[in-house]
All heavy atoms as atom14 arrays in JSON, in Angstrom:
{
  "sequence": "KQEKNVRDVIYDIASQAHIHLEHARSFSKKVPVKAYPAFFCTVALD",
  "atom14_mask": [
    [1, 1, 1, 1, 1, 1, 1, 1, 1, 0, 0, 0, 0, 0],
    [1, 1, 1, 1, 1, 1, 1, 1, 1, 0, 0, 0, 0, 0],
    [1, 1, 1, 1, 1, 1, 1, 1, 1, 0, 0, 0, 0, 0],
    [1, 1, 1, 1, 1, 1, 1, 1, 1, 0, 0, 0, 0, 0],
    [1, 1, 1, 1, 1, 1, 1, 1, 0, 0, 0, 0, 0, 0],
    [1, 1, 1, 1, 1, 1, 1, 0, 0, 0, 0, 0, 0, 0],
    [1, 1, 1, 1, 1, 1, 1, 1, 1, 1, 1, 0, 0, 0],
    [1, 1, 1, 1, 1, 1, 1, 1, 0, 0, 0, 0, 0, 0],
    [1, 1, 1, 1, 1, 1, 1, 0, 0, 0, 0, 0, 0, 0],
    [1, 1, 1, 1, 1, 1, 1, 1, 0, 0, 0, 0, 0, 0],
    [1, 1, 1, 1, 1, 1, 1, 1, 1, 1, 1, 1, 0, 0],
    [1, 1, 1, 1, 1, 1, 1, 1, 0, 0, 0, 0, 0, 0],
    [1, 1, 1, 1, 1, 1, 1, 1, 0, 0, 0, 0, 0, 0],
    [1, 1, 1, 1, 1, 0, 0, 0, 0, 0, 0, 0, 0, 0],
    [1, 1, 1, 1, 1, 1, 0, 0, 0, 0, 0, 0, 0, 0],
    [1, 1, 1, 1, 1, 1, 1, 1, 1, 0, 0, 0, 0, 0],
    [1, 1, 1, 1, 1, 0, 0, 0, 0, 0, 0, 0, 0, 0],
    [1, 1, 1, 1, 1, 1, 1, 1, 1, 1, 0, 0, 0, 0],
    [1, 1, 1, 1, 1, 1, 1, 1, 0, 0, 0, 0, 0, 0],
    [1, 1, 1, 1, 1, 1, 1, 1, 1, 1, 0, 0, 0, 0],
    [1, 1, 1, 1, 1, 1, 1, 1, 0, 0, 0, 0, 0, 0],
    [1, 1, 1, 1, 1, 1, 1, 1, 1, 0, 0, 0, 0, 0],
    [1, 1, 1, 1, 1, 1, 1, 1, 1, 1, 0, 0, 0, 0],
    [1, 1, 1, 1, 1, 0, 0, 0, 0, 0, 0, 0, 0, 0],
    [1, 1, 1, 1, 1, 1, 1, 1, 1, 1, 1, 0, 0, 0],
    [1, 1, 1, 1, 1, 1, 0, 0, 0, 0, 0, 0, 0, 0],
    [1, 1, 1, 1, 1, 1, 1, 1, 1, 1, 1, 0, 0, 0],
    [1, 1, 1, 1, 1, 1, 0, 0, 0, 0, 0, 0, 0, 0],
    [1, 1, 1, 1, 1, 1, 1, 1, 1, 0, 0, 0, 0, 0],
    [1, 1, 1, 1, 1, 1, 1, 1, 1, 0, 0, 0, 0, 0],
    [1, 1, 1, 1, 1, 1, 1, 0, 0, 0, 0, 0, 0, 0],
    [1, 1, 1, 1, 1, 1, 1, 0, 0, 0, 0, 0, 0, 0],
    [1, 1, 1, 1, 1, 1, 1, 0, 0, 0, 0, 0, 0, 0],
    [1, 1, 1, 1, 1, 1, 1, 1, 1, 0, 0, 0, 0, 0],
    [1, 1, 1, 1, 1, 0, 0, 0, 0, 0, 0, 0, 0, 0],
    [1, 1, 1, 1, 1, 1, 1, 1, 1, 1, 1, 1, 0, 0],
    [1, 1, 1, 1, 1, 1, 1, 0, 0, 0, 0, 0, 0, 0],
    [1, 1, 1, 1, 1, 0, 0, 0, 0, 0, 0, 0, 0, 0],
    [1, 1, 1, 1, 1, 1, 1, 1, 1, 1, 1, 0, 0, 0],
    [1, 1, 1, 1, 1, 1, 1, 1, 1, 1, 1, 0, 0, 0],
    [1, 1, 1, 1, 1, 1, 0, 0, 0, 0, 0, 0, 0, 0],
    [1, 1, 1, 1, 1, 1, 1, 0, 0, 0, 0, 0, 0, 0],
    [1, 1, 1, 1, 1, 1, 1, 0, 0, 0, 0, 0, 0, 0],
    [1, 1, 1, 1, 1, 0, 0, 0, 0, 0, 0, 0, 0, 0],
    [1, 1, 1, 1, 1, 1, 1, 1, 0, 0, 0, 0, 0, 0],
    [1, 1, 1, 1, 1, 1, 1, 1, 0, 0, 0, 0, 0, 0]
  ],
  "atom14_positions": [
    [[-12.06, 14.76, -16.29], [-12.08, 15.95, -15.44], [-11.05, 15.82, -14.32], [-10.77, 14.73, -13.84], [-13.47, 16.17, -14.86], [-14.51, 16.59, -15.9], [-15.83, 16.98, -15.25], [-16.81, 17.51, -16.29], [-18.1, 17.92, -15.66], [0.0, 0.0, 0.0], [0.0, 0.0, 0.0], [0.0, 0.0, 0.0], [0.0, 0.0, 0.0], [0.0, 0.0, 0.0]],
    [[-10.51, 16.97, -13.9], [-9.45, 16.98, -12.9], [-9.78, 17.9, -11.72], [-8.88, 18.36, -11.01], [-8.13, 17.39, -13.55], [-7.71, 16.48, -14.69], [-6.54, 17.01, -15.48], [-5.79, 17.87, -15.02], [-6.37, 16.52, -16.71], [0.0, 0.0, 0.0], [0.0, 0.0, 0.0], [0.0, 0.0, 0.0], [0.0, 0.0, 0.0], [0.0, 0.0, 0.0]],
    [[-11.07, 18.16, -11.5], [-11.47, 19.01, -10.4], [-11.13, 18.38, -9.06], [-10.85, 17.18, -8.97], [-12.98, 19.29, -10.46], [-13.38, 20.37, -11.45], [-13.4, 19.89, -12.9], [-13.13, 18.7, -13.12], [-13.67, 20.71, -13.8], [0.0, 0.0, 0.0], [0.0, 0.0, 0.0], [0.0, 0.0, 0.0], [0.0, 0.0, 0.0], [0.0, 0.0, 0.0]],
    [[-11.19, 19.17, -7.99], [-10.78, 18.7, -6.67], [-11.6, 17.5, -6.21], [-11.06, 16.56, -5.61], [-10.9, 19.83, -5.64], [-10.4, 19.43, -4.25], [-10.51, 20.57, -3.27], [-9.94, 20.15, -1.9], [-10.6, 18.96, -1.32], [0.0, 0.0, 0.0], [0.0, 0.0, 0.0], [0.0, 0.0, 0.0], [0.0, 0.0, 0.0], [0.0, 0.0, 0.0]],
    [[-12.91, 17.5, -6.48], [-13.72, 16.38, -5.99], [-13.35, 15.07, -6.7], [-13.43, 13.99, -6.11], [-15.21, 16.67, -6.12], [-15.65, 16.9, -7.56], [-14.85, 17.28, -8.43], [-16.93, 16.71, -7.83], [0.0, 0.0, 0.0], [0.0, 0.0, 0.0], [0.0, 0.0, 0.0], [0.0, 0.0, 0.0], [0.0, 0.0, 0.0], [0.0, 0.0, 0.0]],
    [[-12.91, 15.18, -7.95], [-12.44, 13.98, -8.68], [-11.14, 13.49, -8.06], [-10.97, 12.28, -7.82], [-12.22, 14.3, -10.18], [-11.6, 13.1, -10.89], [-13.55, 14.67, -10.84], [0.0, 0.0, 0.0], [0.0, 0.0, 0.0], [0.0, 0.0, 0.0], [0.0, 0.0, 0.0], [0.0, 0.0, 0.0], [0.0, 0.0, 0.0], [0.0, 0.0, 0.0]],
    [[-10.25, 14.41, -7.74], [-8.98, 14.03, -7.11], [-9.21, 13.5, -5.69], [-8.45, 12.65, -5.22], [-8.03, 15.22, -7.11], [-7.48, 15.52, -8.51], [-6.45, 16.63, -8.53], [-7.09, 17.95, -8.49], [-6.99, 18.8, -7.49], [-6.3, 18.47, -6.4], [-7.59, 19.97, -7.53], [0.0, 0.0, 0.0], [0.0, 0.0, 0.0], [0.0, 0.0, 0.0]],
    [[-10.25, 13.99, -5.03], [-10.57, 13.5, -3.68], [-10.99, 12.03, -3.72], [-10.69, 11.26, -2.8], [-11.69, 14.34, -3.06], [-11.21, 15.7, -2.59], [-9.99, 15.89, -2.46], [-12.06, 16.59, -2.38], [0.0, 0.0, 0.0], [0.0, 0.0, 0.0], [0.0, 0.0, 0.0], [0.0, 0.0, 0.0], [0.0, 0.0, 0.0], [0.0, 0.0, 0.0]],
    [[-11.7, 11.64, -4.78], [-12.07, 10.23, -4.94], [-10.82, 9.37, -5.03], [-10.68, 8.34, -4.35], [-12.95, 10.03, -6.2], [-13.12, 8.54, -6.51], [-14.31, 10.68, -6.02], [0.0, 0.0, 0.0], [0.0, 0.0, 0.0], [0.0, 0.0, 0.0], [0.0, 0.0, 0.0], [0.0, 0.0, 0.0], [0.0, 0.0, 0.0], [0.0, 0.0, 0.0]],
    [[-9.88, 9.8, -5.87], [-8.63, 9.05, -6.05], [-7.83, 9.03, -4.75], [-7.24, 7.99, -4.39], [-7.79, 9.68, -7.19], [-8.6, 9.69, -8.5], [-6.49, 8.91, -7.37], [-9.11, 8.33, -8.92], [0.0, 0.0, 0.0], [0.0, 0.0, 0.0], [0.0, 0.0, 0.0], [0.0, 0.0, 0.0], [0.0, 0.0, 0.0], [0.0, 0.0, 0.0]],
    [[-7.82, 10.16, -4.03], [-7.1, 10.22, -2.75], [-7.65, 9.19, -1.77], [-6.87, 8.47, -1.12], [-7.21, 11.62, -2.16], [-6.7, 11.71, -0.73], [-5.34, 11.83, -0.47], [-7.59, 11.65, 0.34], [-4.87, 11.89, 0.84], [-7.13, 11.7, 1.65], [-5.77, 11.83, 1.89], [-5.31, 11.87, 3.18], [0.0, 0.0, 0.0], [0.0, 0.0, 0.0]],
    [[-8.95, 9.11, -1.65], [-9.57, 8.17, -0.71], [-9.23, 6.72, -1.06], [-8.93, 5.91, -0.18], [-11.08, 8.36, -0.69], [-11.52, 9.59, 0.09], [-10.63, 10.28, 0.65], [-12.73, 9.87, 0.15], [0.0, 0.0, 0.0], [0.0, 0.0, 0.0], [0.0, 0.0, 0.0], [0.0, 0.0, 0.0], [0.0, 0.0, 0.0], [0.0, 0.0, 0.0]],
    [[-9.28, 6.41, -2.34], [-9.0, 5.02, -2.77], [-7.52, 4.7, -2.59], [-7.16, 3.63, -2.08], [-9.44, 4.83, -4.24], [-10.94, 5.05, -4.38], [-9.06, 3.42, -4.72], [-11.44, 5.07, -5.81], [0.0, 0.0, 0.0], [0.0, 0.0, 0.0], [0.0, 0.0, 0.0], [0.0, 0.0, 0.0], [0.0, 0.0, 0.0], [0.0, 0.0, 0.0]],
    [[-6.65, 5.63, -2.99], [-5.21, 5.43, -2.84], [-4.83, 5.31, -1.36], [-3.94, 4.52, -1.01], [-4.45, 6.58, -3.5], [0.0, 0.0, 0.0], [0.0, 0.0, 0.0], [0.0, 0.0, 0.0], [0.0, 0.0, 0.0], [0.0, 0.0, 0.0], [0.0, 0.0, 0.0], [0.0, 0.0, 0.0], [0.0, 0.0, 0.0], [0.0, 0.0, 0.0]],
    [[-5.49, 6.07, -0.52], [-5.21, 6.01, 0.92], [-5.49, 4.63, 1.48], [-4.78, 4.14, 2.37], [-6.05, 7.06, 1.66], [-5.66, 8.36, 1.3], [0.0, 0.0, 0.0], [0.0, 0.0, 0.0], [0.0, 0.0, 0.0], [0.0, 0.0, 0.0], [0.0, 0.0, 0.0], [0.0, 0.0, 0.0], [0.0, 0.0, 0.0], [0.0, 0.0, 0.0]],
    [[-6.53, 3.98, 0.96], [-6.86, 2.64, 1.43], [-5.75, 1.65, 1.06], [-5.42, 0.76, 1.85], [-8.19, 2.19, 0.83], [-8.8, 0.96, 1.48], [-9.19, 1.19, 2.93], [-9.39, 2.32, 3.37], [-9.27, 0.12, 3.7], [0.0, 0.0, 0.0], [0.0, 0.0, 0.0], [0.0, 0.0, 0.0], [0.0, 0.0, 0.0], [0.0, 0.0, 0.0]],
    [[-5.18, 1.82, -0.12], [-4.05, 0.96, -0.52], [-2.87, 1.2, 0.4], [-2.19, 0.25, 0.83], [-3.66, 1.25, -1.97], [0.0, 0.0, 0.0], [0.0, 0.0, 0.0], [0.0, 0.0, 0.0], [0.0, 0.0, 0.0], [0.0, 0.0, 0.0], [0.0, 0.0, 0.0], [0.0, 0.0, 0.0], [0.0, 0.0, 0.0], [0.0, 0.0, 0.0]],
    [[-2.6, 2.46, 0.72], [-1.49, 2.8, 1.61], [-1.7, 2.2, 3.0], [-0.75, 1.67, 3.61], [-1.37, 4.32, 1.73], [-0.3, 4.78, 2.67], [1.03, 4.69, 2.37], [-0.38, 5.31, 3.93], [1.74, 5.16, 3.38], [0.91, 5.53, 4.34], [0.0, 0.0, 0.0], [0.0, 0.0, 0.0], [0.0, 0.0, 0.0], [0.0, 0.0, 0.0]],
    [[-2.91, 2.23, 3.5], [-3.23, 1.66, 4.81], [-2.92, 0.16, 4.83], [-2.35, -0.35, 5.8], [-4.71, 1.91, 5.17], [-4.92, 3.4, 5.49], [-5.15, 1.05, 6.35], [-6.38, 3.8, 5.63], [0.0, 0.0, 0.0], [0.0, 0.0, 0.0], [0.0, 0.0, 0.0], [0.0, 0.0, 0.0], [0.0, 0.0, 0.0], [0.0, 0.0, 0.0]],
    [[-3.29, -0.53, 3.76], [-3.02, -1.98, 3.7], [-1.51, -2.26, 3.7], [-1.05, -3.2, 4.36], [-3.67, -2.58, 2.46], [-5.14, -2.82, 2.6], [-5.67, -3.68, 3.55], [-6.2, -2.31, 1.92], [-6.99, -3.69, 3.45], [-7.34, -2.87, 2.48], [0.0, 0.0, 0.0], [0.0, 0.0, 0.0], [0.0, 0.0, 0.0], [0.0, 0.0, 0.0]],
    [[-0.75, -1.45, 2.97], [0.7, -1.64, 2.93], [1.32, -1.41, 4.31], [2.18, -2.18, 4.76], [1.34, -0.71, 1.9], [1.07, -1.03, 0.43], [1.67, 0.06, -0.46], [1.67, -2.39, 0.06], [0.0, 0.0, 0.0], [0.0, 0.0, 0.0], [0.0, 0.0, 0.0], [0.0, 0.0, 0.0], [0.0, 0.0, 0.0], [0.0, 0.0, 0.0]],
    [[0.89, -0.35, 4.97], [1.42, -0.05, 6.29], [1.05, -1.14, 7.3], [1.86, -1.5, 8.16], [0.9, 1.31, 6.77], [1.48, 2.49, 6.01], [3.01, 2.52, 6.09], [3.53, 2.64, 7.21], [3.66, 2.39, 5.03], [0.0, 0.0, 0.0], [0.0, 0.0, 0.0], [0.0, 0.0, 0.0], [0.0, 0.0, 0.0], [0.0, 0.0, 0.0]],
    [[-0.16, -1.65, 7.19], [-0.57, -2.72, 8.1], [0.26, -3.98, 7.87], [0.67, -4.65, 8.83], [-2.06, -3.03, 7.91], [-2.63, -3.87, 9.02], [-3.01, -3.33, 10.23], [-2.86, -5.2, 9.11], [-3.44, -4.31, 11.02], [-3.36, -5.45, 10.37], [0.0, 0.0, 0.0], [0.0, 0.0, 0.0], [0.0, 0.0, 0.0], [0.0, 0.0, 0.0]],
    [[0.52, -4.29, 6.6], [1.33, -5.48, 6.28], [2.74, -5.35, 6.85], [3.37, -6.34, 7.22], [1.38, -5.68, 4.78], [0.0, 0.0, 0.0], [0.0, 0.0, 0.0], [0.0, 0.0, 0.0], [0.0, 0.0, 0.0], [0.0, 0.0, 0.0], [0.0, 0.0, 0.0], [0.0, 0.0, 0.0], [0.0, 0.0, 0.0], [0.0, 0.0, 0.0]],
    [[3.24, -4.12, 6.93], [4.59, -3.89, 7.44], [4.64, -3.79, 8.96], [5.72, -3.91, 9.55], [5.16, -2.6, 6.82], [5.5, -2.76, 5.34], [5.8, -1.44, 4.68], [6.17, -1.64, 3.28], [5.84, -0.83, 2.3], [5.1, 0.25, 2.55], [6.22, -1.08, 1.06], [0.0, 0.0, 0.0], [0.0, 0.0, 0.0], [0.0, 0.0, 0.0]],
    [[3.5, -3.57, 9.58], [3.47, -3.36, 11.02], [3.9, -4.6, 11.81], [4.31, -4.49, 12.97], [2.07, -2.91, 11.47], [1.13, -3.97, 11.3], [0.0, 0.0, 0.0], [0.0, 0.0, 0.0], [0.0, 0.0, 0.0], [0.0, 0.0, 0.0], [0.0, 0.0, 0.0], [0.0, 0.0, 0.0], [0.0, 0.0, 0.0], [0.0, 0.0, 0.0]],
    [[3.81, -5.77, 11.2], [4.22, -7.0, 11.88], [5.27, -7.76, 11.05], [5.38, -8.98, 11.12], [3.02, -7.91, 12.17], [2.12, -8.17, 10.99], [2.38, -9.21, 10.11], [1.02, -7.35, 10.76], [1.57, -9.44, 9.03], [0.2, -7.58, 9.67], [0.46, -8.63, 8.8], [0.0, 0.0, 0.0], [0.0, 0.0, 0.0], [0.0, 0.0, 0.0]],
    [[6.06, -7.01, 10.27], [7.05, -7.63, 9.37], [8.08, -8.45, 10.14], [8.64, -9.42, 9.59], [7.75, -6.56, 8.54], [8.43, -5.63, 9.38], [0.0, 0.0, 0.0], [0.0, 0.0, 0.0], [0.0, 0.0, 0.0], [0.0, 0.0, 0.0], [0.0, 0.0, 0.0], [0.0, 0.0, 0.0], [0.0, 0.0, 0.0], [0.0, 0.0, 0.0]],
    [[8.37, -8.1, 11.38], [9.36, -8.85, 12.16], [8.88, -10.27, 12.47], [9.69, -11.14, 12.79], [9.67, -8.1, 13.46], [10.43, -6.8, 13.24], [10.76, -6.11, 14.54], [11.53, -4.81, 14.31], [11.84, -4.1, 15.59], [0.0, 0.0, 0.0], [0.0, 0.0, 0.0], [0.0, 0.0, 0.0], [0.0, 0.0, 0.0], [0.0, 0.0, 0.0]],
    [[7.57, -10.49, 12.37], [7.03, -11.82, 12.62], [6.97, -12.67, 11.34], [6.71, -13.87, 11.41], [5.62, -11.71, 13.21], [5.56, -11.0, 14.56], [4.13, -10.93, 15.07], [4.06, -10.22, 16.41], [2.65, -10.12, 16.91], [0.0, 0.0, 0.0], [0.0, 0.0, 0.0], [0.0, 0.0, 0.0], [0.0, 0.0, 0.0], [0.0, 0.0, 0.0]],
    [[7.2, -12.02, 10.19], [7.13, -12.72, 8.9], [8.49, -13.34, 8.58], [9.52, -12.65, 8.65], [6.72, -11.75, 7.78], [6.74, -12.44, 6.43], [5.34, -11.16, 8.06], [0.0, 0.0, 0.0], [0.0, 0.0, 0.0], [0.0, 0.0, 0.0], [0.0, 0.0, 0.0], [0.0, 0.0, 0.0], [0.0, 0.0, 0.0], [0.0, 0.0, 0.0]],
    [[8.55, -14.61, 8.23], [9.83, -15.24, 7.88], [10.51, -14.52, 6.72], [9.85, -14.15, 5.74], [9.43, -16.66, 7.46], [8.09, -16.88, 8.1], [7.42, -15.55, 8.12], [0.0, 0.0, 0.0], [0.0, 0.0, 0.0], [0.0, 0.0, 0.0], [0.0, 0.0, 0.0], [0.0, 0.0, 0.0], [0.0, 0.0, 0.0], [0.0, 0.0, 0.0]],
    [[11.81, -14.29, 6.84], [12.57, -13.62, 5.78], [12.44, -14.37, 4.46], [12.47, -13.77, 3.38], [14.06, -13.49, 6.19], [14.88, -12.91, 5.05], [14.19, -12.62, 7.43], [0.0, 0.0, 0.0], [0.0, 0.0, 0.0], [0.0, 0.0, 0.0], [0.0, 0.0, 0.0], [0.0, 0.0, 0.0], [0.0, 0.0, 0.0], [0.0, 0.0, 0.0]],
    [[12.27, -15.66, 4.54], [12.12, -16.5, 3.35], [10.91, -16.08, 2.51], [10.84, -16.34, 1.3], [11.97, -17.96, 3.79], [12.04, -18.98, 2.68], [11.93, -20.39, 3.25], [11.99, -21.44, 2.15], [11.85, -22.82, 2.7], [0.0, 0.0, 0.0], [0.0, 0.0, 0.0], [0.0, 0.0, 0.0], [0.0, 0.0, 0.0], [0.0, 0.0, 0.0]],
    [[9.94, -15.4, 3.15], [8.72, -14.99, 2.45], [8.87, -13.65, 1.73], [8.06, -13.32, 0.86], [7.56, -14.89, 3.45], [0.0, 0.0, 0.0], [0.0, 0.0, 0.0], [0.0, 0.0, 0.0], [0.0, 0.0, 0.0], [0.0, 0.0, 0.0], [0.0, 0.0, 0.0], [0.0, 0.0, 0.0], [0.0, 0.0, 0.0], [0.0, 0.0, 0.0]],
    [[9.9, -12.89, 2.05], [10.03, -11.53, 1.53], [10.02, -11.43, 0.0], [9.41, -10.5, -0.55], [11.29, -10.87, 2.09], [11.16, -10.41, 3.53], [10.15, -10.89, 4.36], [12.04, -9.48, 4.08], [10.03, -10.48, 5.68], [11.93, -9.06, 5.4], [10.93, -9.57, 6.2], [10.82, -9.14, 7.5], [0.0, 0.0, 0.0], [0.0, 0.0, 0.0]],
    [[10.68, -12.35, -0.72], [10.65, -12.22, -2.19], [9.24, -12.2, -2.77], [9.01, -11.59, -3.83], [11.42, -13.46, -2.66], [12.37, -13.74, -1.54], [11.6, -13.43, -0.29], [0.0, 0.0, 0.0], [0.0, 0.0, 0.0], [0.0, 0.0, 0.0], [0.0, 0.0, 0.0], [0.0, 0.0, 0.0], [0.0, 0.0, 0.0], [0.0, 0.0, 0.0]],
    [[8.29, -12.82, -2.11], [6.91, -12.81, -2.6], [6.28, -11.43, -2.5], [5.3, -11.13, -3.19], [6.06, -13.83, -1.81], [0.0, 0.0, 0.0], [0.0, 0.0, 0.0], [0.0, 0.0, 0.0], [0.0, 0.0, 0.0], [0.0, 0.0, 0.0], [0.0, 0.0, 0.0], [0.0, 0.0, 0.0], [0.0, 0.0, 0.0], [0.0, 0.0, 0.0]],
    [[6.87, -10.6, -1.62], [6.26, -9.3, -1.34], [7.0, -8.12, -1.98], [6.69, -6.96, -1.67], [6.19, -9.08, 0.19], [5.41, -10.14, 0.92], [5.75, -10.5, 2.22], [4.35, -10.8, 0.31], [5.02, -11.47, 2.9], [3.62, -11.78, 0.97], [3.97, -12.12, 2.28], [0.0, 0.0, 0.0], [0.0, 0.0, 0.0], [0.0, 0.0, 0.0]],
    [[7.96, -8.4, -2.84], [8.7, -7.3, -3.46], [7.86, -6.51, -4.46], [8.3, -5.49, -4.98], [9.98, -7.82, -4.12], [11.06, -8.18, -3.14], [12.04, -9.1, -3.48], [11.09, -7.62, -1.88], [13.05, -9.44, -2.57], [12.08, -7.95, -0.96], [13.06, -8.87, -1.3], [0.0, 0.0, 0.0], [0.0, 0.0, 0.0], [0.0, 0.0, 0.0]],
    [[6.66, -7.0, -4.74], [5.73, -6.23, -5.59], [5.39, -4.89, -4.93], [4.94, -3.95, -5.6], [4.46, -7.02, -5.86], [3.55, -7.5, -4.37], [0.0, 0.0, 0.0], [0.0, 0.0, 0.0], [0.0, 0.0, 0.0], [0.0, 0.0, 0.0], [0.0, 0.0, 0.0], [0.0, 0.0, 0.0], [0.0, 0.0, 0.0], [0.0, 0.0, 0.0]],
    [[5.63, -4.79, -3.61], [5.35, -3.53, -2.9], [6.22, -2.39, -3.42], [5.85, -1.22, -3.27], [5.58, -3.69, -1.39], [6.93, -4.13, -1.16], [4.62, -4.7, -0.78], [0.0, 0.0, 0.0], [0.0, 0.0, 0.0], [0.0, 0.0, 0.0], [0.0, 0.0, 0.0], [0.0, 0.0, 0.0], [0.0, 0.0, 0.0], [0.0, 0.0, 0.0]],
    [[7.35, -2.71, -4.03], [8.23, -1.68, -4.58], [7.48, -0.87, -5.64], [7.49, 0.37, -5.63], [9.5, -2.3, -5.19], [10.33, -1.25, -5.92], [10.34, -2.97, -4.1], [0.0, 0.0, 0.0], [0.0, 0.0, 0.0], [0.0, 0.0, 0.0], [0.0, 0.0, 0.0], [0.0, 0.0, 0.0], [0.0, 0.0, 0.0], [0.0, 0.0, 0.0]],
    [[6.82, -1.57, -6.55], [6.07, -0.9, -7.62], [4.85, -0.17, -7.05], [4.49, 0.91, -7.53], [5.63, -1.91, -8.67], [0.0, 0.0, 0.0], [0.0, 0.0, 0.0], [0.0, 0.0, 0.0], [0.0, 0.0, 0.0], [0.0, 0.0, 0.0], [0.0, 0.0, 0.0], [0.0, 0.0, 0.0], [0.0, 0.0, 0.0], [0.0, 0.0, 0.0]],
    [[4.22, -0.75, -6.03], [3.05, -0.11, -5.42], [3.45, 1.2, -4.74], [2.78, 2.22, -4.9], [2.4, -1.05, -4.41], [1.96, -2.42, -4.93], [1.29, -3.22, -3.81], [1.03, -2.28, -6.12], [0.0, 0.0, 0.0], [0.0, 0.0, 0.0], [0.0, 0.0, 0.0], [0.0, 0.0, 0.0], [0.0, 0.0, 0.0], [0.0, 0.0, 0.0]],
    [[4.53, 1.16, -3.97], [5.02, 2.37, -3.3], [5.37, 3.45, -4.31], [5.07, 4.63, -4.12], [6.25, 2.05, -2.45], [5.91, 1.3, -1.18], [4.8, 1.48, -0.67], [6.77, 0.53, -0.7], [0.0, 0.0, 0.0], [0.0, 0.0, 0.0], [0.0, 0.0, 0.0], [0.0, 0.0, 0.0], [0.0, 0.0, 0.0], [0.0, 0.0, 0.0]]
  ]
}
């Protein structure tokens, strides 16, 4: 089913993933550049 309430469930869950990504980026300047290759999986997530 593709009714609005079904899509609202997906929106809420997807929003939580987006929040985690934004939080991880909020302090990126404190993360060593050497660590960045481990986090390139965010490309596929975005």
